[in-house]
PDB file of N, CA and C in Angstrom:
ATOM      1  N   MET A   1       1.658   2.655  16.737  1.00  0.00           N
ATOM      2  CA  MET A   1       0.373   2.375  16.158  1.00  0.00           C
ATOM      3  C   MET A   1      -0.009   3.504  15.208  1.00  0.00           C
ATOM      4  N   LEU A   2      -0.478   3.136  14.042  1.00  0.00           N
ATOM      5  CA  LEU A   2      -0.889   4.122  13.061  1.00  0.00           C
ATOM      6  C   LEU A   2      -2.336   4.533  13.312  1.00  0.00           C
ATOM      7  N   ARG A   3      -2.590   5.812  13.174  1.00  0.00           N
ATOM      8  CA  ARG A   3      -3.944   6.293  13.392  1.00  0.00           C
ATOM      9  C   ARG A   3      -4.251   7.341  12.325  1.00  0.00           C
ATOM     10  N   ILE A   4      -5.398   7.188  11.709  1.00  0.00           N
ATOM     11  CA  ILE A   4      -5.889   8.155  10.737  1.00  0.00           C
ATOM     12  C   ILE A   4      -7.244   8.647  11.227  1.00  0.00           C
ATOM     13  N   GLU A   5      -7.362   9.939  11.376  1.00  0.00           N
ATOM     14  CA  GLU A   5      -8.636  10.509  11.788  1.00  0.00           C
ATOM     15  C   GLU A   5      -9.381  10.956  10.538  1.00  0.00           C
ATOM     16  N   VAL A   6     -10.590  10.462  10.402  1.00  0.00           N
ATOM     17  CA  VAL A   6     -11.415  10.839   9.260  1.00  0.00           C
ATOM     18  C   VAL A   6     -12.097  12.157   9.595  1.00  0.00           C
ATOM     19  N   LYS A   7     -11.891  13.134   8.735  1.00  0.00           N
ATOM     20  CA  LYS A   7     -12.449  14.455   8.968  1.00  0.00           C
ATOM     21  C   LYS A   7     -13.939  14.471   8.616  1.00  0.00           C
ATOM     22  N   PHE A   8     -14.617  15.471   9.113  1.00  0.00           N
ATOM     23  CA  PHE A   8     -16.048  15.595   8.875  1.00  0.00           C
ATOM     24  C   PHE A   8     -16.318  15.740   7.388  1.00  0.00           C
ATOM     25  N   LYS A   9     -17.223  14.945   6.868  1.00  0.00           N
ATOM     26  CA  LYS A   9     -17.611  14.928   5.458  1.00  0.00           C
ATOM     27  C   LYS A   9     -16.439  14.607   4.525  1.00  0.00           C
ATOM     28  N   GLU A  10     -15.460  13.856   5.024  1.00  0.00           N
ATOM     29  CA  GLU A  10     -14.336  13.464   4.177  1.00  0.00           C
ATOM     30  C   GLU A  10     -14.672  12.148   3.470  1.00  0.00           C
ATOM     31  N   ASP A  11     -14.247  12.056   2.248  1.00  0.00           N
ATOM     32  CA  ASP A  11     -14.471  10.844   1.475  1.00  0.00           C
ATOM     33  C   ASP A  11     -13.683   9.696   2.112  1.00  0.00           C
ATOM     34  N   PRO A  12     -14.338   8.572   2.395  1.00  0.00           N
ATOM     35  CA  PRO A  12     -13.621   7.439   2.994  1.00  0.00           C
ATOM     36  C   PRO A  12     -12.478   6.925   2.112  1.00  0.00           C
ATOM     37  N   LYS A  13     -12.627   7.072   0.810  1.00  0.00           N
ATOM     38  CA  LYS A  13     -11.556   6.648  -0.096  1.00  0.00           C
ATOM     39  C   LYS A  13     -10.300   7.492   0.125  1.00  0.00           C
ATOM     40  N   ARG A  14     -10.506   8.784   0.372  1.00  0.00           N
ATOM     41  CA  ARG A  14      -9.365   9.676   0.620  1.00  0.00           C
ATOM     42  C   ARG A  14      -8.679   9.315   1.946  1.00  0.00           C
ATOM     43  N   ALA A  15      -9.459   8.987   2.963  1.00  0.00           N
ATOM     44  CA  ALA A  15      -8.883   8.588   4.249  1.00  0.00           C
ATOM     45  C   ALA A  15      -8.111   7.289   4.106  1.00  0.00           C
ATOM     46  N   PHE A  16      -8.647   6.366   3.324  1.00  0.00           N
ATOM     47  CA  PHE A  16      -7.946   5.103   3.090  1.00  0.00           C
ATOM     48  C   PHE A  16      -6.641   5.343   2.336  1.00  0.00           C
ATOM     49  N   GLN A  17      -6.657   6.273   1.397  1.00  0.00           N
ATOM     50  CA  GLN A  17      -5.440   6.614   0.656  1.00  0.00           C
ATOM     51  C   GLN A  17      -4.388   7.201   1.594  1.00  0.00           C
ATOM     52  N   ARG A  18      -4.816   8.049   2.521  1.00  0.00           N
ATOM     53  CA  ARG A  18      -3.869   8.607   3.492  1.00  0.00           C
ATOM     54  C   ARG A  18      -3.277   7.515   4.371  1.00  0.00           C
ATOM     55  N   LEU A  19      -4.115   6.531   4.741  1.00  0.00           N
ATOM     56  CA  LEU A  19      -3.630   5.406   5.533  1.00  0.00           C
ATOM     57  C   LEU A  19      -2.580   4.610   4.752  1.00  0.00           C
ATOM     58  N   LYS A  20      -2.850   4.347   3.486  1.00  0.00           N
ATOM     59  CA  LYS A  20      -1.901   3.606   2.663  1.00  0.00           C
ATOM     60  C   LYS A  20      -0.574   4.358   2.547  1.00  0.00           C
ATOM     61  N   GLN A  21      -0.633   5.684   2.378  1.00  0.00           N
ATOM     62  CA  GLN A  21       0.581   6.489   2.286  1.00  0.00           C
ATOM     63  C   GLN A  21       1.376   6.423   3.586  1.00  0.00           C
ATOM     64  N   LEU A  22       0.683   6.452   4.704  1.00  0.00           N
ATOM     65  CA  LEU A  22       1.344   6.383   6.003  1.00  0.00           C
ATOM     66  C   LEU A  22       1.993   5.020   6.217  1.00  0.00           C
ATOM     67  N   VAL A  23       1.322   3.948   5.780  1.00  0.00           N
ATOM     68  CA  VAL A  23       1.874   2.603   5.902  1.00  0.00           C
ATOM     69  C   VAL A  23       3.161   2.487   5.090  1.00  0.00           C
ATOM     70  N   VAL A  24       3.162   3.040   3.891  1.00  0.00           N
ATOM     71  CA  VAL A  24       4.365   3.002   3.054  1.00  0.00           C
ATOM     72  C   VAL A  24       5.471   3.832   3.692  1.00  0.00           C
ATOM     73  N   LYS A  25       5.120   5.003   4.190  1.00  0.00           N
ATOM     74  CA  LYS A  25       6.105   5.896   4.802  1.00  0.00           C
ATOM     75  C   LYS A  25       6.755   5.257   6.034  1.00  0.00           C
ATOM     76  N   GLU A  26       5.965   4.587   6.849  1.00  0.00           N
ATOM     77  CA  GLU A  26       6.472   3.973   8.073  1.00  0.00           C
ATOM     78  C   GLU A  26       7.092   2.598   7.823  1.00  0.00           C
ATOM     79  N   ASP A  27       7.008   2.078   6.608  1.00  0.00           N
ATOM     80  CA  ASP A  27       7.579   0.786   6.216  1.00  0.00           C
ATOM     81  C   ASP A  27       7.032  -0.361   7.070  1.00  0.00           C
ATOM     82  N   VAL A  28       5.741  -0.344   7.301  1.00  0.00           N
ATOM     83  CA  VAL A  28       5.089  -1.370   8.112  1.00  0.00           C
ATOM     84  C   VAL A  28       5.157  -2.723   7.415  1.00  0.00           C
ATOM     85  N   ILE A  29       4.875  -2.751   6.123  1.00  0.00           N
ATOM     86  CA  ILE A  29       4.867  -4.005   5.380  1.00  0.00           C
ATOM     87  C   ILE A  29       6.266  -4.629   5.366  1.00  0.00           C
ATOM     88  N   GLY A  30       7.281  -3.806   5.197  1.00  0.00           N
ATOM     89  CA  GLY A  30       8.651  -4.315   5.207  1.00  0.00           C
ATOM     90  C   GLY A  30       9.020  -4.943   6.539  1.00  0.00           C
ATOM     91  N   GLN A  31       8.594  -4.321   7.622  1.00  0.00           N
ATOM     92  CA  GLN A  31       8.880  -4.866   8.944  1.00  0.00           C
ATOM     93  C   GLN A  31       8.162  -6.185   9.168  1.00  0.00           C
ATOM     94  N   VAL A  32       6.927  -6.282   8.692  1.00  0.00           N
ATOM     95  CA  VAL A  32       6.169  -7.526   8.850  1.00  0.00           C
ATOM     96  C   VAL A  32       6.855  -8.650   8.086  1.00  0.00           C
ATOM     97  N   LYS A  33       7.259  -8.369   6.854  1.00  0.00           N
ATOM     98  CA  LYS A  33       7.941  -9.387   6.055  1.00  0.00           C
ATOM     99  C   LYS A  33       9.272  -9.789   6.694  1.00  0.00           C
ATOM    100  N   LYS A  34       9.973  -8.811   7.244  1.00  0.00           N
ATOM    101  CA  LYS A  34      11.273  -9.078   7.866  1.00  0.00           C
ATOM    102  C   LYS A  34      11.128  -9.962   9.109  1.00  0.00           C
ATOM    103  N   ARG A  35      10.063  -9.764   9.864  1.00  0.00           N
ATOM    104  CA  ARG A  35       9.881 -10.505  11.113  1.00  0.00           C
ATOM    105  C   ARG A  35       9.085 -11.790  10.938  1.00  0.00           C
ATOM    106  N   ARG A  36       8.772 -12.117   9.688  1.00  0.00           N
ATOM    107  CA  ARG A  36       7.958 -13.300   9.440  1.00  0.00           C
ATOM    108  C   ARG A  36       8.660 -14.567   9.919  1.00  0.00           C
ATOM    109  N   ARG A  37       9.979 -14.617   9.726  1.00  0.00           N
ATOM    110  CA  ARG A  37      10.730 -15.771  10.231  1.00  0.00           C
ATOM    111  C   ARG A  37      12.055 -15.297  10.805  1.00  0.00           C
ATOM    112  N   TYR A  38      12.621 -16.122  11.673  1.00  0.00           N
ATOM    113  CA  TYR A  38      13.852 -15.757  12.365  1.00  0.00           C
ATOM    114  C   TYR A  38      15.057 -15.980  11.458  1.00  0.00           C
ATOM    115  N   LEU A  39      15.974 -15.020  11.452  1.00  0.00           N
ATOM    116  CA  LEU A  39      17.246 -15.165  10.754  1.00  0.00           C
ATOM    117  C   LEU A  39      18.361 -15.195  11.792  1.00  0.00           C
ATOM    118  N   LYS A  40      19.209 -16.192  11.655  1.00  0.00           N
ATOM    119  CA  LYS A  40      20.355 -16.239  12.555  1.00  0.00           C
ATOM    120  C   LYS A  40      21.215 -15.001  12.296  1.00  0.00           C
ATOM    121  N   PRO A  41      21.880 -14.484  13.330  1.00  0.00           N
ATOM    122  CA  PRO A  41      22.701 -13.289  13.147  1.00  0.00           C
ATOM    123  C   PRO A  41      23.784 -13.454  12.075  1.00  0.00           C
ATOM    124  N   SER A  42      24.366 -14.639  11.980  1.00  0.00           N
ATOM    125  CA  SER A  42      25.410 -14.836  10.970  1.00  0.00           C
ATOM    126  C   SER A  42      24.823 -14.769   9.558  1.00  0.00           C
ATOM    127  N   VAL A  43      23.631 -15.305   9.374  1.00  0.00           N
ATOM    128  CA  VAL A  43      22.977 -15.260   8.061  1.00  0.00           C
ATOM    129  C   VAL A  43      22.583 -13.824   7.723  1.00  0.00           C
ATOM    130  N   ALA A  44      22.063 -13.105   8.705  1.00  0.00           N
ATOM    131  CA  ALA A  44      21.678 -11.711   8.487  1.00  0.00           C
ATOM    132  C   ALA A  44      22.900 -10.883   8.103  1.00  0.00           C
ATOM    133  N   LYS A  45      24.021 -11.141   8.753  1.00  0.00           N
ATOM    134  CA  LYS A  45      25.253 -10.416   8.458  1.00  0.00           C
ATOM    135  C   LYS A  45      25.717 -10.706   7.032  1.00  0.00           C
ATOM    136  N   ARG A  46      25.633 -11.974   6.627  1.00  0.00           N
ATOM    137  CA  ARG A  46      26.022 -12.356   5.273  1.00  0.00           C
ATOM    138  C   ARG A  46      25.125 -11.690   4.229  1.00  0.00           C
ATOM    139  N   LEU A  47      23.819 -11.694   4.477  1.00  0.00           N
ATOM    140  CA  LEU A  47      22.888 -11.058   3.549  1.00  0.00           C
ATOM    141  C   LEU A  47      23.143  -9.554   3.446  1.00  0.00           C
ATOM    142  N   LYS A  48      23.433  -8.948   4.570  1.00  0.00           N
ATOM    143  CA  LYS A  48      23.701  -7.515   4.579  1.00  0.00           C
ATOM    144  C   LYS A  48      24.957  -7.185   3.785  1.00  0.00           C
ATOM    145  N   SER A  49      25.998  -7.993   3.920  1.00  0.00           N
ATOM    146  CA  SER A  49      27.231  -7.738   3.178  1.00  0.00           C
ATOM    147  C   SER A  49      27.038  -7.977   1.685  1.00  0.00           C
ATOM    148  N   LYS A  50      26.238  -8.993   1.315  1.00  0.00           N
ATOM    149  CA  LYS A  50      25.961  -9.228  -0.107  1.00  0.00           C
ATOM    150  C   LYS A  50      25.173  -8.069  -0.701  1.00  0.00           C
ATOM    151  N   GLU A  51      24.213  -7.570   0.039  1.00  0.00           N
ATOM    152  CA  GLU A  51      23.429  -6.430  -0.448  1.00  0.00           C
ATOM    153  C   GLU A  51      24.308  -5.194  -0.588  1.00  0.00           C
ATOM    154  N   ALA A  52      25.218  -4.988   0.340  1.00  0.00           N
ATOM    155  CA  ALA A  52      26.137  -3.857   0.260  1.00  0.00           C
ATOM    156  C   ALA A  52      27.028  -3.987  -0.969  1.00  0.00           C
ATOM    157  N   GLU A  53      27.496  -5.190  -1.277  1.00  0.00           N
ATOM    158  CA  GLU A  53      28.323  -5.413  -2.465  1.00  0.00           C
ATOM    159  C   GLU A  53      27.534  -5.107  -3.736  1.00  0.00           C
ATOM    160  N   ARG A  54      26.280  -5.563  -3.792  1.00  0.00           N
ATOM    161  CA  ARG A  54      25.442  -5.268  -4.960  1.00  0.00           C
ATOM    162  C   ARG A  54      25.256  -3.762  -5.124  1.00  0.00           C
ATOM    163  N   GLN A  55      25.052  -3.072  -4.010  1.00  0.00           N
ATOM    164  CA  GLN A  55      24.857  -1.629  -4.072  1.00  0.00           C
ATOM    165  C   GLN A  55      26.127  -0.925  -4.530  1.00  0.00           C
ATOM    166  N   ARG A  56      27.295  -1.393  -4.082  1.00  0.00           N
ATOM    167  CA  ARG A  56      28.560  -0.791  -4.521  1.00  0.00           C
ATOM    168  C   ARG A  56      28.744  -0.955  -6.025  1.00  0.00           C
ATOM    169  N   VAL A  57      28.431  -2.149  -6.549  1.00  0.00           N
ATOM    170  CA  VAL A  57      28.552  -2.396  -7.989  1.00  0.00           C
ATOM    171  C   VAL A  57      27.593  -1.488  -8.755  1.00  0.00           C
ATOM    172  N   LYS A  58      26.375  -1.374  -8.244  1.00  0.00           N
ATOM    173  CA  LYS A  58      25.371  -0.530  -8.886  1.00  0.00           C
ATOM    174  C   LYS A  58      25.824   0.931  -8.913  1.00  0.00           C
ATOM    175  N   ASP A  59      26.352   1.418  -7.789  1.00  0.00           N
ATOM    176  CA  ASP A  59      26.836   2.793  -7.722  1.00  0.00           C
ATOM    177  C   ASP A  59      28.015   3.016  -8.659  1.00  0.00           C
ATOM    178  N   LEU A  60      28.908   2.023  -8.740  1.00  0.00           N
ATOM    179  CA  LEU A  60      30.071   2.138  -9.624  1.00  0.00           C
ATOM    180  C   LEU A  60      29.630   2.234 -11.081  1.00  0.00           C
ATOM    181  N   LYS A  61      28.677   1.399 -11.482  1.00  0.00           N
ATOM    182  CA  LYS A  61      28.177   1.449 -12.860  1.00  0.00           C
ATOM    183  C   LYS A  61      27.536   2.807 -13.147  1.00  0.00           C
ATOM    184  N   LYS A  62      26.800   3.314 -12.180  1.00  0.00           N
ATOM    185  CA  LYS A  62      26.152   4.611 -12.355  1.00  0.00           C
ATOM    186  C   LYS A  62      27.196   5.715 -12.516  1.00  0.00           C
ATOM    187  N   ASP A  63      28.261   5.674 -11.707  1.00  0.00           N
ATOM    188  CA  ASP A  63      29.327   6.669 -11.802  1.00  0.00           C
ATOM    189  C   ASP A  63      30.046   6.578 -13.145  1.00  0.00           C
ATOM    190  N   LEU A  64      30.275   5.357 -13.626  1.00  0.00           N
ATOM    191  CA  LEU A  64      30.938   5.187 -14.920  1.00  0.00           C
ATOM    192  C   LEU A  64      30.086   5.740 -16.054  1.00  0.00           C
ATOM    193  N   GLN A  65      28.790   5.505 -16.018  1.00  0.00           N
ATOM    194  CA  GLN A  65      27.898   6.034 -17.038  1.00  0.00           C
ATOM    195  C   GLN A  65      27.881   7.558 -17.016  1.00  0.00           C
ATOM    196  N   GLN A  66      27.871   8.113 -15.834  1.00  0.00           N
ATOM    197  CA  GLN A  66      27.866   9.567 -15.709  1.00  0.00           C
ATOM    198  C   GLN A  66      29.177  10.151 -16.233  1.00  0.00           C
ATOM    199  N   ALA A  67      30.294   9.511 -15.940  1.00  0.00           N
ATOM    200  CA  ALA A  67      31.588   9.976 -16.429  1.00  0.00           C
ATOM    201  C   ALA A  67      31.646   9.888 -17.953  1.00  0.00           C
ATOM    202  N   ALA A  68      31.096   8.813 -18.514  1.00  0.00           N
ATOM    203  CA  ALA A  68      31.078   8.669 -19.968  1.00  0.00           C
ATOM    204  C   ALA A  68      30.227   9.764 -20.612  1.00  0.00           C
ATOM    205  N   ARG A  69      29.085  10.086 -19.995  1.00  0.00           N
ATOM    206  CA  ARG A  69      28.243  11.154 -20.525  1.00  0.00           C
ATOM    207  C   ARG A  69      28.970  12.498 -20.478  1.00  0.00           C
ATOM    208  N   LEU A  70      29.650  12.772 -19.375  1.00  0.00           N
ATOM    209  CA  LEU A  70      30.371  14.040 -19.254  1.00  0.00           C
ATOM    210  C   LEU A  70      31.504  14.114 -20.285  1.00  0.00           C
ATOM    211  N   GLU A  71      32.199  13.018 -20.465  1.00  0.00           N
ATOM    212  CA  GLU A  71      33.285  12.985 -21.451  1.00  0.00           C
ATOM    213  C   GLU A  71      32.745  13.215 -22.849  1.00  0.00           C
ATOM    214  N   GLN A  72      31.614  12.602 -23.154  1.00  0.00           N
ATOM    215  CA  GLN A  72      31.019  12.767 -24.473  1.00  0.00           C
ATOM    216  C   GLN A  72      30.577  14.221 -24.680  1.00  0.00           C
ATOM    217  N   GLN A  73      30.060  14.855 -23.629  1.00  0.00           N
ATOM    218  CA  GLN A  73      29.652  16.263 -23.741  1.00  0.00           C
ATOM    219  C   GLN A  73      30.856  17.157 -23.983  1.00  0.00           C
ATOM    220  N   LEU A  74      31.991  16.819 -23.418  1.00  0.00           N
ATOM    221  CA  LEU A  74      33.190  17.630 -23.611  1.00  0.00           C
ATOM    222  C   LEU A  74      33.673  17.563 -25.073  1.00  0.00           C
ATOM    223  N   TRP A  75      33.500  16.433 -25.702  1.00  0.00           N
ATOM    224  CA  TRP A  75      33.996  16.253 -27.067  1.00  0.00           C
ATOM    225  C   TRP A  75      33.013  16.739 -28.128  1.00  0.00           C
ATOM    226  N   GLU A  76      31.822  17.082 -27.721  1.00  0.00           N
ATOM    227  CA  GLU A  76      30.839  17.573 -28.693  1.00  0.00           C
ATOM    228  C   GLU A  76      31.000  19.039 -28.953  1.00  0.00           C
TER     229      GLU A  76
END
């Protein structure tokens, strides 16, 4: 359970901002969205593997761009 204590003479807007930061940090919204409906284990496994593949492609592209930049710096 998340708890924010409002300090004496603290602006309520500031306390609300701290609450929002804590919610983001604890990933409460993500958990709520994830538990909104049931996913069969096989479907969850498939989604996880697809996401991992997308991440691998993304990382590979990033590495290639970095290598190209380094190569270009060497030739300058």
